[in-house]
Amino acid sequence: MPSVKNPNGPSKNRLMARAAKARQQGQKRSAAGLNEKTHRISKADATRGAKPGLLPTSGPNRALSSKARRKLDRKLGYAMQRKMKAEGEVEMKDVDTSEEKTSKATTNEEMAVDTDSIS
């Protein structure tokens, strides 16, 4: 409401009409939400701007940005690793390189044998 000296504010009639219209729209919106069983949006989320198909812009159910989603995925992954370590599960790691060394040695010996048999 503007100060008394400022004559450029809305009249009392306009203020009351605006409030009545907002009240009517709120009643219609809540009645539509009760009739439609498919959309279960909490009152708190509705006040934050949530509508069917749109998430609220703040609060716990807000849409996460892609950066925040990546960070959350990373944190969840670390939490899973901690949980697995506490339970005693071990992640699969690469095969030991000692087996690869022995296989290389056998191939070298076979090649030597092949060259000996040729000459």
N, C-alpha and C. Protein backbone atom coordinates (compact mmCIF):
# COMPACT_ATOMS: atom_id res chain seq x y z
N MET A 1 0.85 -1.18 0.00
CA MET A 1 0.00 0.00 0.00
C MET A 1 0.89 1.23 0.00
N PRO A 2 0.64 2.16 -0.88
CA PRO A 2 1.48 3.36 -0.93
C PRO A 2 1.21 4.26 0.27
N SER A 3 2.15 5.15 0.50
CA SER A 3 1.95 6.08 1.61
C SER A 3 0.81 7.04 1.29
N VAL A 4 0.33 7.73 2.29
CA VAL A 4 -0.83 8.62 2.11
C VAL A 4 -0.51 9.74 1.13
N LYS A 5 0.74 10.20 1.14
CA LYS A 5 1.10 11.32 0.28
C LYS A 5 1.21 10.91 -1.18
N ASN A 6 1.38 9.61 -1.46
CA ASN A 6 1.53 9.16 -2.84
C ASN A 6 0.15 8.79 -3.40
N PRO A 7 -0.35 9.55 -4.37
CA PRO A 7 -1.71 9.29 -4.88
C PRO A 7 -1.73 8.23 -6.00
N ASN A 8 -0.56 7.65 -6.35
CA ASN A 8 -0.50 6.78 -7.52
C ASN A 8 -0.70 5.29 -7.22
N GLY A 9 -1.20 4.94 -6.05
CA GLY A 9 -1.41 3.54 -5.70
C GLY A 9 -2.78 3.06 -6.15
N PRO A 10 -2.99 1.74 -6.13
CA PRO A 10 -4.31 1.21 -6.50
C PRO A 10 -5.36 1.56 -5.44
N SER A 11 -6.58 1.73 -5.89
CA SER A 11 -7.66 2.08 -4.96
C SER A 11 -8.02 0.86 -4.12
N LYS A 12 -8.79 1.11 -3.05
CA LYS A 12 -9.20 0.01 -2.18
C LYS A 12 -10.06 -1.00 -2.94
N ASN A 13 -10.90 -0.49 -3.84
CA ASN A 13 -11.73 -1.41 -4.63
C ASN A 13 -10.88 -2.35 -5.47
N ARG A 14 -9.84 -1.81 -6.10
CA ARG A 14 -8.97 -2.65 -6.92
C ARG A 14 -8.21 -3.65 -6.08
N LEU A 15 -7.75 -3.22 -4.89
CA LEU A 15 -7.03 -4.13 -4.00
C LEU A 15 -7.93 -5.29 -3.58
N MET A 16 -9.17 -4.98 -3.23
CA MET A 16 -10.11 -6.03 -2.80
C MET A 16 -10.44 -6.96 -3.97
N ALA A 17 -10.61 -6.39 -5.16
CA ALA A 17 -10.92 -7.22 -6.33
C ALA A 17 -9.76 -8.15 -6.65
N ARG A 18 -8.53 -7.65 -6.55
CA ARG A 18 -7.35 -8.46 -6.82
C ARG A 18 -7.26 -9.62 -5.81
N ALA A 19 -7.53 -9.32 -4.53
CA ALA A 19 -7.48 -10.36 -3.50
C ALA A 19 -8.56 -11.42 -3.73
N ALA A 20 -9.76 -10.94 -4.11
CA ALA A 20 -10.87 -11.88 -4.34
C ALA A 20 -10.57 -12.79 -5.53
N LYS A 21 -9.99 -12.22 -6.58
CA LYS A 21 -9.66 -13.00 -7.77
C LYS A 21 -8.59 -14.05 -7.43
N ALA A 22 -7.58 -13.65 -6.66
CA ALA A 22 -6.54 -14.60 -6.27
C ALA A 22 -7.12 -15.71 -5.41
N ARG A 23 -8.05 -15.35 -4.53
CA ARG A 23 -8.68 -16.36 -3.68
C ARG A 23 -9.49 -17.34 -4.52
N GLN A 24 -10.23 -16.82 -5.50
CA GLN A 24 -11.02 -17.68 -6.40
C GLN A 24 -10.13 -18.65 -7.17
N GLN A 25 -9.05 -18.12 -7.73
CA GLN A 25 -8.14 -18.97 -8.51
C GLN A 25 -7.51 -20.04 -7.63
N GLY A 26 -7.17 -19.69 -6.40
CA GLY A 26 -6.61 -20.68 -5.49
C GLY A 26 -7.60 -21.78 -5.17
N GLN A 27 -8.87 -21.41 -4.98
CA GLN A 27 -9.90 -22.41 -4.70
C GLN A 27 -10.08 -23.34 -5.90
N LYS A 28 -10.10 -22.76 -7.09
CA LYS A 28 -10.25 -23.58 -8.30
C LYS A 28 -9.07 -24.54 -8.45
N ARG A 29 -7.88 -24.03 -8.19
CA ARG A 29 -6.68 -24.85 -8.34
C ARG A 29 -6.69 -26.00 -7.35
N SER A 30 -7.09 -25.72 -6.10
CA SER A 30 -7.11 -26.80 -5.10
C SER A 30 -8.21 -27.80 -5.39
N ALA A 31 -9.36 -27.32 -5.90
CA ALA A 31 -10.45 -28.23 -6.25
C ALA A 31 -10.05 -29.12 -7.42
N ALA A 32 -9.35 -28.57 -8.38
CA ALA A 32 -8.90 -29.35 -9.54
C ALA A 32 -7.88 -30.40 -9.09
N GLY A 33 -7.04 -30.06 -8.13
CA GLY A 33 -6.06 -31.01 -7.62
C GLY A 33 -6.70 -32.14 -6.86
N LEU A 34 -7.83 -31.89 -6.18
CA LEU A 34 -8.52 -32.95 -5.45
C LEU A 34 -9.23 -33.90 -6.40
N ASN A 35 -9.76 -33.37 -7.49
CA ASN A 35 -10.50 -34.21 -8.43
C ASN A 35 -9.57 -35.09 -9.25
N GLU A 36 -8.41 -34.58 -9.63
CA GLU A 36 -7.47 -35.34 -10.45
C GLU A 36 -6.61 -36.20 -9.52
N LYS A 37 -6.85 -37.50 -9.53
CA LYS A 37 -6.11 -38.40 -8.65
C LYS A 37 -4.72 -38.72 -9.22
N THR A 38 -4.51 -38.42 -10.49
CA THR A 38 -3.23 -38.80 -11.11
C THR A 38 -2.09 -37.92 -10.62
N HIS A 39 -2.36 -36.69 -10.25
CA HIS A 39 -1.31 -35.76 -9.84
C HIS A 39 -1.35 -35.59 -8.33
N ARG A 40 -0.29 -36.00 -7.68
CA ARG A 40 -0.19 -35.85 -6.23
C ARG A 40 0.90 -34.83 -5.93
N ILE A 41 0.58 -33.57 -5.98
CA ILE A 41 1.54 -32.52 -5.69
C ILE A 41 1.18 -31.95 -4.33
N SER A 42 2.16 -31.91 -3.44
CA SER A 42 1.88 -31.43 -2.09
C SER A 42 1.59 -29.93 -2.13
N LYS A 43 0.91 -29.46 -1.10
CA LYS A 43 0.57 -28.05 -1.03
C LYS A 43 1.82 -27.19 -1.01
N ALA A 44 2.82 -27.66 -0.26
CA ALA A 44 4.07 -26.89 -0.15
C ALA A 44 4.73 -26.75 -1.51
N ASP A 45 4.74 -27.84 -2.30
CA ASP A 45 5.34 -27.77 -3.63
C ASP A 45 4.51 -26.90 -4.55
N ALA A 46 3.20 -26.92 -4.40
CA ALA A 46 2.34 -26.07 -5.23
C ALA A 46 2.63 -24.61 -4.96
N THR A 47 2.89 -24.26 -3.70
CA THR A 47 3.22 -22.87 -3.40
C THR A 47 4.56 -22.48 -3.99
N ARG A 48 5.44 -23.48 -4.22
CA ARG A 48 6.74 -23.19 -4.83
C ARG A 48 6.68 -23.21 -6.35
N GLY A 49 5.48 -23.38 -6.92
CA GLY A 49 5.34 -23.30 -8.36
C GLY A 49 5.23 -24.63 -9.07
N ALA A 50 5.03 -25.72 -8.32
CA ALA A 50 4.92 -27.02 -8.96
C ALA A 50 3.54 -27.18 -9.59
N LYS A 51 3.51 -27.77 -10.77
CA LYS A 51 2.28 -28.07 -11.49
C LYS A 51 2.45 -29.46 -12.09
N PRO A 52 1.38 -30.08 -12.55
CA PRO A 52 1.57 -31.39 -13.19
C PRO A 52 2.55 -31.29 -14.35
N GLY A 53 3.63 -32.04 -14.27
CA GLY A 53 4.65 -32.01 -15.31
C GLY A 53 5.78 -31.06 -15.02
N LEU A 54 5.63 -30.19 -14.01
CA LEU A 54 6.69 -29.26 -13.65
C LEU A 54 7.07 -29.46 -12.19
N LEU A 55 8.35 -29.50 -11.91
CA LEU A 55 8.81 -29.62 -10.54
C LEU A 55 8.90 -28.24 -9.92
N PRO A 56 8.86 -28.15 -8.59
CA PRO A 56 8.99 -26.84 -7.95
C PRO A 56 10.38 -26.24 -8.18
N THR A 57 10.47 -24.93 -8.03
CA THR A 57 11.74 -24.25 -8.29
C THR A 57 12.62 -24.21 -7.05
N SER A 58 12.10 -24.62 -5.90
CA SER A 58 12.90 -24.67 -4.68
C SER A 58 12.35 -25.78 -3.81
N GLY A 59 13.04 -26.03 -2.71
CA GLY A 59 12.58 -27.07 -1.80
C GLY A 59 13.20 -28.41 -2.11
N PRO A 60 12.82 -29.44 -1.35
CA PRO A 60 13.49 -30.74 -1.50
C PRO A 60 13.15 -31.46 -2.81
N ASN A 61 12.03 -31.16 -3.42
CA ASN A 61 11.64 -31.86 -4.65
C ASN A 61 11.96 -31.08 -5.92
N ARG A 62 12.81 -30.07 -5.80
CA ARG A 62 13.11 -29.25 -6.97
C ARG A 62 13.92 -30.05 -7.99
N ALA A 63 13.91 -29.60 -9.23
CA ALA A 63 14.68 -30.25 -10.29
C ALA A 63 16.16 -29.92 -10.07
N LEU A 64 17.01 -30.93 -10.19
CA LEU A 64 18.44 -30.72 -10.03
C LEU A 64 19.05 -30.33 -11.36
N SER A 65 20.03 -29.45 -11.30
CA SER A 65 20.76 -29.12 -12.51
C SER A 65 21.64 -30.32 -12.87
N SER A 66 22.12 -30.36 -14.10
CA SER A 66 22.94 -31.50 -14.52
C SER A 66 24.24 -31.56 -13.72
N LYS A 67 24.79 -30.39 -13.37
CA LYS A 67 26.02 -30.37 -12.57
C LYS A 67 25.75 -30.95 -11.18
N ALA A 68 24.65 -30.53 -10.57
CA ALA A 68 24.31 -31.04 -9.24
C ALA A 68 24.01 -32.53 -9.30
N ARG A 69 23.39 -32.98 -10.39
CA ARG A 69 23.09 -34.41 -10.53
C ARG A 69 24.37 -35.22 -10.64
N ARG A 70 25.35 -34.71 -11.41
CA ARG A 70 26.64 -35.40 -11.52
C ARG A 70 27.33 -35.50 -10.16
N LYS A 71 27.31 -34.39 -9.40
CA LYS A 71 27.94 -34.39 -8.08
C LYS A 71 27.25 -35.38 -7.17
N LEU A 72 25.93 -35.43 -7.23
CA LEU A 72 25.17 -36.36 -6.39
C LEU A 72 25.47 -37.81 -6.77
N ASP A 73 25.57 -38.08 -8.07
CA ASP A 73 25.91 -39.43 -8.52
C ASP A 73 27.30 -39.84 -8.01
N ARG A 74 28.23 -38.89 -8.06
CA ARG A 74 29.58 -39.17 -7.59
C ARG A 74 29.56 -39.49 -6.09
N LYS A 75 28.80 -38.68 -5.32
CA LYS A 75 28.73 -38.92 -3.88
C LYS A 75 28.06 -40.26 -3.59
N LEU A 76 27.02 -40.61 -4.35
CA LEU A 76 26.35 -41.89 -4.14
C LEU A 76 27.30 -43.05 -4.46
N GLY A 77 28.12 -42.88 -5.50
CA GLY A 77 29.09 -43.91 -5.85
C GLY A 77 30.11 -44.13 -4.74
N TYR A 78 30.60 -43.03 -4.16
CA TYR A 78 31.54 -43.15 -3.05
C TYR A 78 30.88 -43.82 -1.85
N ALA A 79 29.63 -43.48 -1.60
CA ALA A 79 28.91 -44.10 -0.48
C ALA A 79 28.75 -45.60 -0.71
N MET A 80 28.47 -46.00 -1.95
CA MET A 80 28.35 -47.42 -2.26
C MET A 80 29.68 -48.13 -2.05
N GLN A 81 30.78 -47.48 -2.45
CA GLN A 81 32.10 -48.08 -2.25
C GLN A 81 32.38 -48.27 -0.76
N ARG A 82 32.05 -47.27 0.06
CA ARG A 82 32.25 -47.40 1.49
C ARG A 82 31.42 -48.54 2.06
N LYS A 83 30.18 -48.64 1.60
CA LYS A 83 29.29 -49.69 2.09
C LYS A 83 29.83 -51.07 1.71
N MET A 84 30.27 -51.22 0.45
CA MET A 84 30.81 -52.50 0.00
C MET A 84 32.06 -52.87 0.78
N LYS A 85 32.91 -51.87 1.07
CA LYS A 85 34.13 -52.13 1.81
C LYS A 85 33.80 -52.56 3.24
N ALA A 86 32.78 -51.94 3.83
CA ALA A 86 32.38 -52.30 5.19
C ALA A 86 31.80 -53.71 5.24
N GLU A 87 31.10 -54.11 4.19
CA GLU A 87 30.52 -55.45 4.15
C GLU A 87 31.55 -56.51 3.79
N GLY A 88 32.69 -56.08 3.29
CA GLY A 88 33.74 -57.04 2.96
C GLY A 88 33.77 -57.42 1.50
N GLU A 89 32.93 -56.84 0.68
CA GLU A 89 32.97 -57.15 -0.75
C GLU A 89 34.15 -56.43 -1.37
N VAL A 90 34.78 -57.08 -2.33
CA VAL A 90 35.95 -56.51 -2.98
C VAL A 90 35.63 -56.30 -4.44
N GLU A 91 36.06 -55.16 -4.96
CA GLU A 91 35.83 -54.87 -6.38
C GLU A 91 36.75 -55.73 -7.23
N MET A 92 36.29 -56.08 -8.41
CA MET A 92 37.13 -56.83 -9.33
C MET A 92 38.19 -55.89 -9.89
N LYS A 93 39.43 -56.33 -9.85
CA LYS A 93 40.52 -55.53 -10.38
C LYS A 93 41.10 -56.23 -11.59
N ASP A 94 42.03 -55.56 -12.26
CA ASP A 94 42.66 -56.16 -13.44
C ASP A 94 43.42 -57.42 -13.04
N VAL A 95 43.60 -58.30 -14.00
CA VAL A 95 44.33 -59.54 -13.76
C VAL A 95 45.78 -59.20 -13.48
N ASP A 96 46.44 -60.03 -12.64
CA ASP A 96 47.84 -59.78 -12.32
C ASP A 96 48.67 -59.76 -13.59
N THR A 97 49.68 -58.90 -13.60
CA THR A 97 50.56 -58.82 -14.76
C THR A 97 51.55 -59.96 -14.78
N SER A 98 51.68 -60.72 -13.67
CA SER A 98 52.62 -61.85 -13.65
C SER A 98 52.20 -62.93 -14.64
N GLU A 99 50.88 -63.15 -14.81
CA GLU A 99 50.40 -64.12 -15.79
C GLU A 99 50.75 -63.68 -17.21
N GLU A 100 50.63 -62.37 -17.45
CA GLU A 100 50.96 -61.86 -18.78
C GLU A 100 52.44 -62.06 -19.08
N LYS A 101 53.29 -61.87 -18.06
CA LYS A 101 54.73 -62.04 -18.27
C LYS A 101 55.05 -63.49 -18.62
N THR A 102 54.41 -64.42 -17.95
CA THR A 102 54.69 -65.83 -18.24
C THR A 102 54.21 -66.21 -19.63
N SER A 103 53.08 -65.65 -20.04
CA SER A 103 52.59 -65.97 -21.38
C SER A 103 53.52 -65.39 -22.44
N LYS A 104 54.08 -64.22 -22.18
CA LYS A 104 55.02 -63.63 -23.13
C LYS A 104 56.28 -64.49 -23.21
N ALA A 105 56.73 -65.02 -22.08
CA ALA A 105 57.93 -65.84 -22.06
C ALA A 105 57.71 -67.11 -22.87
N THR A 106 56.54 -67.70 -22.75
CA THR A 106 56.28 -68.93 -23.51
C THR A 106 56.23 -68.64 -24.99
N THR A 107 55.67 -67.52 -25.39
CA THR A 107 55.62 -67.20 -26.82
C THR A 107 57.03 -66.99 -27.36
N ASN A 108 57.91 -66.38 -26.57
CA ASN A 108 59.28 -66.19 -27.01
C ASN A 108 59.99 -67.53 -27.18
N GLU A 109 59.74 -68.46 -26.25
CA GLU A 109 60.36 -69.78 -26.35
C GLU A 109 59.86 -70.53 -27.57
N GLU A 110 58.54 -70.43 -27.82
CA GLU A 110 57.98 -71.10 -28.98
C GLU A 110 58.57 -70.54 -30.26
N MET A 111 58.75 -69.24 -30.30
CA MET A 111 59.34 -68.63 -31.48
C MET A 111 60.78 -69.13 -31.65
N ALA A 112 61.49 -69.25 -30.56
CA ALA A 112 62.88 -69.74 -30.65
C ALA A 112 62.90 -71.18 -31.16
N VAL A 113 61.96 -71.98 -30.70
CA VAL A 113 61.89 -73.36 -31.14
C VAL A 113 61.56 -73.40 -32.62
N ASP A 114 60.67 -72.55 -33.06
CA ASP A 114 60.30 -72.54 -34.46
C ASP A 114 61.50 -72.18 -35.34
N THR A 115 62.26 -71.19 -34.91
CA THR A 115 63.41 -70.78 -35.72
C THR A 115 64.47 -71.89 -35.73
N ASP A 116 64.62 -72.62 -34.65
CA ASP A 116 65.59 -73.71 -34.60
C ASP A 116 65.18 -74.85 -35.52
N SER A 117 63.89 -75.15 -35.56
CA SER A 117 63.43 -76.26 -36.38
C SER A 117 63.52 -75.93 -37.87
N ILE A 118 63.45 -74.68 -38.23
CA ILE A 118 63.51 -74.28 -39.63
C ILE A 118 64.93 -74.46 -40.17
N SER A 119 65.95 -74.10 -39.40
CA SER A 119 67.32 -74.17 -39.91
C SER A 119 67.97 -75.47 -39.69
